[in-house]
């Protein structure tokens, strides 16, 4: 989920950079890029991943 969010943020940053506009002084392409990198880092660290799929069940 975080990887998808990062891709969306990077896409928005790219569109804003190509179009040459920003959403005020708070949300810039640098802000979106930093947020995207944060989401990628969290995804690679394993935050918010579903580990129940890979858990082993005890056999009787």
PDB file of N, CA and C in Angstrom:
ATOM      1  N   UNK A   1       0.822  -1.191   0.000  1.00  0.00           N
ATOM      2  CA  UNK A   1       0.000   0.000   0.000  1.00  0.00           C
ATOM      3  C   UNK A   1       0.865   1.252   0.000  1.00  0.00           C
ATOM      4  N   UNK A   2       1.942   1.227   0.775  1.00  0.00           N
ATOM      5  CA  UNK A   2       2.828   2.387   0.813  1.00  0.00           C
ATOM      6  C   UNK A   2       3.561   2.578  -0.508  1.00  0.00           C
ATOM      7  N   UNK A   3       3.851   1.487  -1.210  1.00  0.00           N
ATOM      8  CA  UNK A   3       4.520   1.615  -2.505  1.00  0.00           C
ATOM      9  C   UNK A   3       3.589   2.274  -3.526  1.00  0.00           C
ATOM     10  N   UNK A   4       2.303   1.961  -3.468  1.00  0.00           N
ATOM     11  CA  UNK A   4       1.335   2.591  -4.375  1.00  0.00           C
ATOM     12  C   UNK A   4       1.215   4.071  -4.059  1.00  0.00           C
ATOM     13  N   UNK A   5       1.168   4.412  -2.777  1.00  0.00           N
ATOM     14  CA  UNK A   5       1.114   5.810  -2.376  1.00  0.00           C
ATOM     15  C   UNK A   5       2.355   6.563  -2.843  1.00  0.00           C
ATOM     16  N   UNK A   6       3.508   5.928  -2.736  1.00  0.00           N
ATOM     17  CA  UNK A   6       4.747   6.558  -3.199  1.00  0.00           C
ATOM     18  C   UNK A   6       4.699   6.800  -4.700  1.00  0.00           C
ATOM     19  N   UNK A   7       4.176   5.838  -5.458  1.00  0.00           N
ATOM     20  CA  UNK A   7       4.078   6.008  -6.906  1.00  0.00           C
ATOM     21  C   UNK A   7       3.148   7.168  -7.262  1.00  0.00           C
ATOM     22  N   UNK A   8       2.055   7.307  -6.537  1.00  0.00           N
ATOM     23  CA  UNK A   8       1.124   8.418  -6.782  1.00  0.00           C
ATOM     24  C   UNK A   8       1.792   9.753  -6.460  1.00  0.00           C
ATOM     25  N   UNK A   9       2.500   9.811  -5.348  1.00  0.00           N
ATOM     26  CA  UNK A   9       3.186  11.054  -4.980  1.00  0.00           C
ATOM     27  C   UNK A   9       4.263  11.425  -5.992  1.00  0.00           C
ATOM     28  N   UNK A  10       5.030  10.432  -6.459  1.00  0.00           N
ATOM     29  CA  UNK A  10       6.043  10.704  -7.474  1.00  0.00           C
ATOM     30  C   UNK A  10       5.397  11.152  -8.785  1.00  0.00           C
ATOM     31  N   UNK A  11       4.260  10.556  -9.136  1.00  0.00           N
ATOM     32  CA  UNK A  11       3.548  10.969 -10.349  1.00  0.00           C
ATOM     33  C   UNK A  11       3.050  12.400 -10.261  1.00  0.00           C
ATOM     34  N   UNK A  12       2.496  12.764  -9.112  1.00  0.00           N
ATOM     35  CA  UNK A  12       2.051  14.146  -8.923  1.00  0.00           C
ATOM     36  C   UNK A  12       3.220  15.116  -8.978  1.00  0.00           C
ATOM     37  N   UNK A  13       4.338  14.749  -8.369  1.00  0.00           N
ATOM     38  CA  UNK A  13       5.517  15.614  -8.397  1.00  0.00           C
ATOM     39  C   UNK A  13       6.018  15.793  -9.818  1.00  0.00           C
ATOM     40  N   UNK A  14       6.002  14.725 -10.601  1.00  0.00           N
ATOM     41  CA  UNK A  14       6.445  14.814 -11.993  1.00  0.00           C
ATOM     42  C   UNK A  14       5.522  15.702 -12.816  1.00  0.00           C
ATOM     43  N   UNK A  15       4.211  15.531 -12.641  1.00  0.00           N
ATOM     44  CA  UNK A  15       3.265  16.372 -13.378  1.00  0.00           C
ATOM     45  C   UNK A  15       3.398  17.841 -12.996  1.00  0.00           C
ATOM     46  N   UNK A  16       3.572  18.109 -11.706  1.00  0.00           N
ATOM     47  CA  UNK A  16       3.740  19.490 -11.271  1.00  0.00           C
ATOM     48  C   UNK A  16       5.029  20.089 -11.817  1.00  0.00           C
ATOM     49  N   UNK A  17       6.081  19.282 -11.868  1.00  0.00           N
ATOM     50  CA  UNK A  17       7.364  19.766 -12.389  1.00  0.00           C
ATOM     51  C   UNK A  17       7.272  20.050 -13.885  1.00  0.00           C
ATOM     52  N   UNK A  18       6.613  19.156 -14.615  1.00  0.00           N
ATOM     53  CA  UNK A  18       6.487  19.344 -16.063  1.00  0.00           C
ATOM     54  C   UNK A  18       5.570  20.511 -16.402  1.00  0.00           C
ATOM     55  N   UNK A  19       4.514  20.702 -15.629  1.00  0.00           N
ATOM     56  CA  UNK A  19       3.575  21.782 -15.879  1.00  0.00           C
ATOM     57  C   UNK A  19       4.098  23.110 -15.351  1.00  0.00           C
ATOM     58  N   UNK A  20       5.024  23.063 -14.409  1.00  0.00           N
ATOM     59  CA  UNK A  20       5.618  24.278 -13.887  1.00  0.00           C
ATOM     60  C   UNK A  20       4.745  25.028 -12.899  1.00  0.00           C
ATOM     61  N   UNK A  21       3.942  24.326 -12.148  1.00  0.00           N
ATOM     62  CA  UNK A  21       3.119  24.998 -11.147  1.00  0.00           C
ATOM     63  C   UNK A  21       3.244  24.282  -9.807  1.00  0.00           C
ATOM     64  N   UNK A  22       2.854  24.983  -8.748  1.00  0.00           N
ATOM     65  CA  UNK A  22       2.878  24.432  -7.404  1.00  0.00           C
ATOM     66  C   UNK A  22       1.558  24.721  -6.711  1.00  0.00           C
ATOM     67  N   UNK A  23       1.353  24.093  -5.605  1.00  0.00           N
ATOM     68  CA  UNK A  23       0.127  24.290  -4.836  1.00  0.00           C
ATOM     69  C   UNK A  23       0.418  25.156  -3.614  1.00  0.00           C
ATOM     70  N   UNK A  24       0.916  26.332  -3.858  1.00  0.00           N
ATOM     71  CA  UNK A  24       1.264  27.223  -2.756  1.00  0.00           C
ATOM     72  C   UNK A  24       2.707  27.022  -2.348  1.00  0.00           C
ATOM     73  N   UNK A  25       3.062  27.631  -1.252  1.00  0.00           N
ATOM     74  CA  UNK A  25       4.445  27.521  -0.792  1.00  0.00           C
ATOM     75  C   UNK A  25       4.671  26.300   0.089  1.00  0.00           C
ATOM     76  N   UNK A  26       3.597  25.608   0.463  1.00  0.00           N
ATOM     77  CA  UNK A  26       3.738  24.446   1.357  1.00  0.00           C
ATOM     78  C   UNK A  26       3.943  23.170   0.564  1.00  0.00           C
ATOM     79  N   UNK A  27       3.131  22.938  -0.450  1.00  0.00           N
ATOM     80  CA  UNK A  27       3.213  21.705  -1.232  1.00  0.00           C
ATOM     81  C   UNK A  27       3.930  22.012  -2.544  1.00  0.00           C
ATOM     82  N   UNK A  28       5.178  21.593  -2.619  1.00  0.00           N
ATOM     83  CA  UNK A  28       5.988  21.779  -3.818  1.00  0.00           C
ATOM     84  C   UNK A  28       6.395  20.409  -4.343  1.00  0.00           C
ATOM     85  N   UNK A  29       7.088  20.394  -5.465  1.00  0.00           N
ATOM     86  CA  UNK A  29       7.553  19.116  -6.007  1.00  0.00           C
ATOM     87  C   UNK A  29       8.572  18.473  -5.073  1.00  0.00           C
ATOM     88  N   UNK A  30       9.356  19.283  -4.389  1.00  0.00           N
ATOM     89  CA  UNK A  30      10.310  18.737  -3.419  1.00  0.00           C
ATOM     90  C   UNK A  30       9.616  18.076  -2.245  1.00  0.00           C
ATOM     91  N   UNK A  31       8.508  18.674  -1.797  1.00  0.00           N
ATOM     92  CA  UNK A  31       7.739  18.097  -0.698  1.00  0.00           C
ATOM     93  C   UNK A  31       7.142  16.755  -1.102  1.00  0.00           C
ATOM     94  N   UNK A  32       6.569  16.684  -2.304  1.00  0.00           N
ATOM     95  CA  UNK A  32       5.979  15.422  -2.779  1.00  0.00           C
ATOM     96  C   UNK A  32       7.049  14.356  -2.992  1.00  0.00           C
ATOM     97  N   UNK A  33       8.209  14.768  -3.479  1.00  0.00           N
ATOM     98  CA  UNK A  33       9.299  13.811  -3.673  1.00  0.00           C
ATOM     99  C   UNK A  33       9.788  13.272  -2.333  1.00  0.00           C
ATOM    100  N   UNK A  34       9.917  14.140  -1.354  1.00  0.00           N
ATOM    101  CA  UNK A  34      10.334  13.697  -0.025  1.00  0.00           C
ATOM    102  C   UNK A  34       9.297  12.763   0.596  1.00  0.00           C
ATOM    103  N   UNK A  35       8.017  13.073   0.436  1.00  0.00           N
ATOM    104  CA  UNK A  35       6.966  12.196   0.951  1.00  0.00           C
ATOM    105  C   UNK A  35       6.977  10.852   0.240  1.00  0.00           C
ATOM    106  N   UNK A  36       7.227  10.857  -1.049  1.00  0.00           N
ATOM    107  CA  UNK A  36       7.319   9.607  -1.797  1.00  0.00           C
ATOM    108  C   UNK A  36       8.489   8.761  -1.346  1.00  0.00           C
ATOM    109  N   UNK A  37       9.638   9.398  -1.123  1.00  0.00           N
ATOM    110  CA  UNK A  37      10.802   8.658  -0.635  1.00  0.00           C
ATOM    111  C   UNK A  37      10.565   8.088   0.755  1.00  0.00           C
ATOM    112  N   UNK A  38       9.854   8.826   1.587  1.00  0.00           N
ATOM    113  CA  UNK A  38       9.503   8.321   2.914  1.00  0.00           C
ATOM    114  C   UNK A  38       8.620   7.085   2.808  1.00  0.00           C
ATOM    115  N   UNK A  39       7.638   7.117   1.914  1.00  0.00           N
ATOM    116  CA  UNK A  39       6.752   5.954   1.740  1.00  0.00           C
ATOM    117  C   UNK A  39       7.520   4.744   1.219  1.00  0.00           C
ATOM    118  N   UNK A  40       8.451   4.965   0.295  1.00  0.00           N
ATOM    119  CA  UNK A  40       9.261   3.857  -0.221  1.00  0.00           C
ATOM    120  C   UNK A  40      10.132   3.286   0.895  1.00  0.00           C
ATOM    121  N   UNK A  41      10.731   4.150   1.702  1.00  0.00           N
ATOM    122  CA  UNK A  41      11.573   3.683   2.802  1.00  0.00           C
ATOM    123  C   UNK A  41      10.755   2.878   3.812  1.00  0.00           C
ATOM    124  N   UNK A  42       9.559   3.350   4.135  1.00  0.00           N
ATOM    125  CA  UNK A  42       8.704   2.610   5.069  1.00  0.00           C
ATOM    126  C   UNK A  42       8.273   1.272   4.484  1.00  0.00           C
ATOM    127  N   UNK A  43       7.992   1.257   3.189  1.00  0.00           N
ATOM    128  CA  UNK A  43       7.604   0.006   2.538  1.00  0.00           C
ATOM    129  C   UNK A  43       8.755  -0.996   2.576  1.00  0.00           C
ATOM    130  N   UNK A  44       9.960  -0.531   2.278  1.00  0.00           N
ATOM    131  CA  UNK A  44      11.115  -1.423   2.290  1.00  0.00           C
ATOM    132  C   UNK A  44      11.461  -1.877   3.702  1.00  0.00           C
ATOM    133  N   UNK A  45      11.116  -1.077   4.697  1.00  0.00           N
ATOM    134  CA  UNK A  45      11.360  -1.462   6.084  1.00  0.00           C
ATOM    135  C   UNK A  45      10.327  -2.463   6.591  1.00  0.00           C
ATOM    136  N   UNK A  46       9.259  -2.655   5.849  1.00  0.00           N
ATOM    137  CA  UNK A  46       8.257  -3.642   6.240  1.00  0.00           C
ATOM    138  C   UNK A  46       7.108  -3.075   7.040  1.00  0.00           C
ATOM    139  N   UNK A  47       6.973  -1.761   7.085  1.00  0.00           N
ATOM    140  CA  UNK A  47       5.874  -1.141   7.821  1.00  0.00           C
ATOM    141  C   UNK A  47       4.584  -1.340   7.038  1.00  0.00           C
ATOM    142  N   UNK A  48       3.528  -1.710   7.732  1.00  0.00           N
ATOM    143  CA  UNK A  48       2.182  -1.894   7.156  1.00  0.00           C
ATOM    144  C   UNK A  48       2.139  -3.001   6.119  1.00  0.00           C
ATOM    145  N   UNK A  49       2.956  -4.017   6.295  1.00  0.00           N
ATOM    146  CA  UNK A  49       2.876  -5.174   5.408  1.00  0.00           C
ATOM    147  C   UNK A  49       2.054  -6.256   6.076  1.00  0.00           C
ATOM    148  N   UNK A  50       1.433  -7.074   5.289  1.00  0.00           N
ATOM    149  CA  UNK A  50       0.587  -8.139   5.802  1.00  0.00           C
ATOM    150  C   UNK A  50       1.429  -9.394   5.985  1.00  0.00           C
ATOM    151  N   UNK A  51       1.866  -9.632   7.187  1.00  0.00           N
ATOM    152  CA  UNK A  51       2.719 -10.781   7.460  1.00  0.00           C
ATOM    153  C   UNK A  51       1.913 -12.050   7.742  1.00  0.00           C
ATOM    154  N   UNK A  52       0.597 -11.940   7.830  1.00  0.00           N
ATOM    155  CA  UNK A  52      -0.193 -13.120   8.142  1.00  0.00           C
ATOM    156  C   UNK A  52      -0.212 -14.111   6.984  1.00  0.00           C
ATOM    157  N   UNK A  53       0.041 -13.645   5.785  1.00  0.00           N
ATOM    158  CA  UNK A  53       0.080 -14.551   4.637  1.00  0.00           C
ATOM    159  C   UNK A  53       1.257 -15.503   4.716  1.00  0.00           C
ATOM    160  N   UNK A  54       2.337 -15.049   5.319  1.00  0.00           N
ATOM    161  CA  UNK A  54       3.548 -15.839   5.336  1.00  0.00           C
ATOM    162  C   UNK A  54       3.763 -16.585   6.641  1.00  0.00           C
ATOM    163  N   UNK A  55       2.821 -16.476   7.544  1.00  0.00           N
ATOM    164  CA  UNK A  55       2.989 -17.169   8.820  1.00  0.00           C
ATOM    165  C   UNK A  55       2.752 -18.663   8.635  1.00  0.00           C
ATOM    166  N   UNK A  56       3.515 -19.423   9.393  1.00  0.00           N
ATOM    167  CA  UNK A  56       3.375 -20.870   9.315  1.00  0.00           C
ATOM    168  C   UNK A  56       2.327 -21.331  10.314  1.00  0.00           C
ATOM    169  N   UNK A  57       1.516 -22.232   9.879  1.00  0.00           N
ATOM    170  CA  UNK A  57       0.516 -22.811  10.779  1.00  0.00           C
ATOM    171  C   UNK A  57       1.112 -24.050  11.443  1.00  0.00           C
ATOM    172  N   UNK A  58       0.695 -24.248  12.690  1.00  0.00           N
ATOM    173  CA  UNK A  58       1.166 -25.454  13.383  1.00  0.00           C
ATOM    174  C   UNK A  58       0.423 -26.666  12.854  1.00  0.00           C
ATOM    175  N   UNK A  59       1.181 -27.683  12.604  1.00  0.00           N
ATOM    176  CA  UNK A  59       0.568 -28.933  12.161  1.00  0.00           C
ATOM    177  C   UNK A  59       0.343 -29.830  13.361  1.00  0.00           C
ATOM    178  N   UNK A  60      -0.733 -30.535  13.327  1.00  0.00           N
ATOM    179  CA  UNK A  60      -1.045 -31.432  14.441  1.00  0.00           C
ATOM    180  C   UNK A  60      -0.718 -32.848  14.082  1.00  0.00           C
TER     181      UNK A  60
END
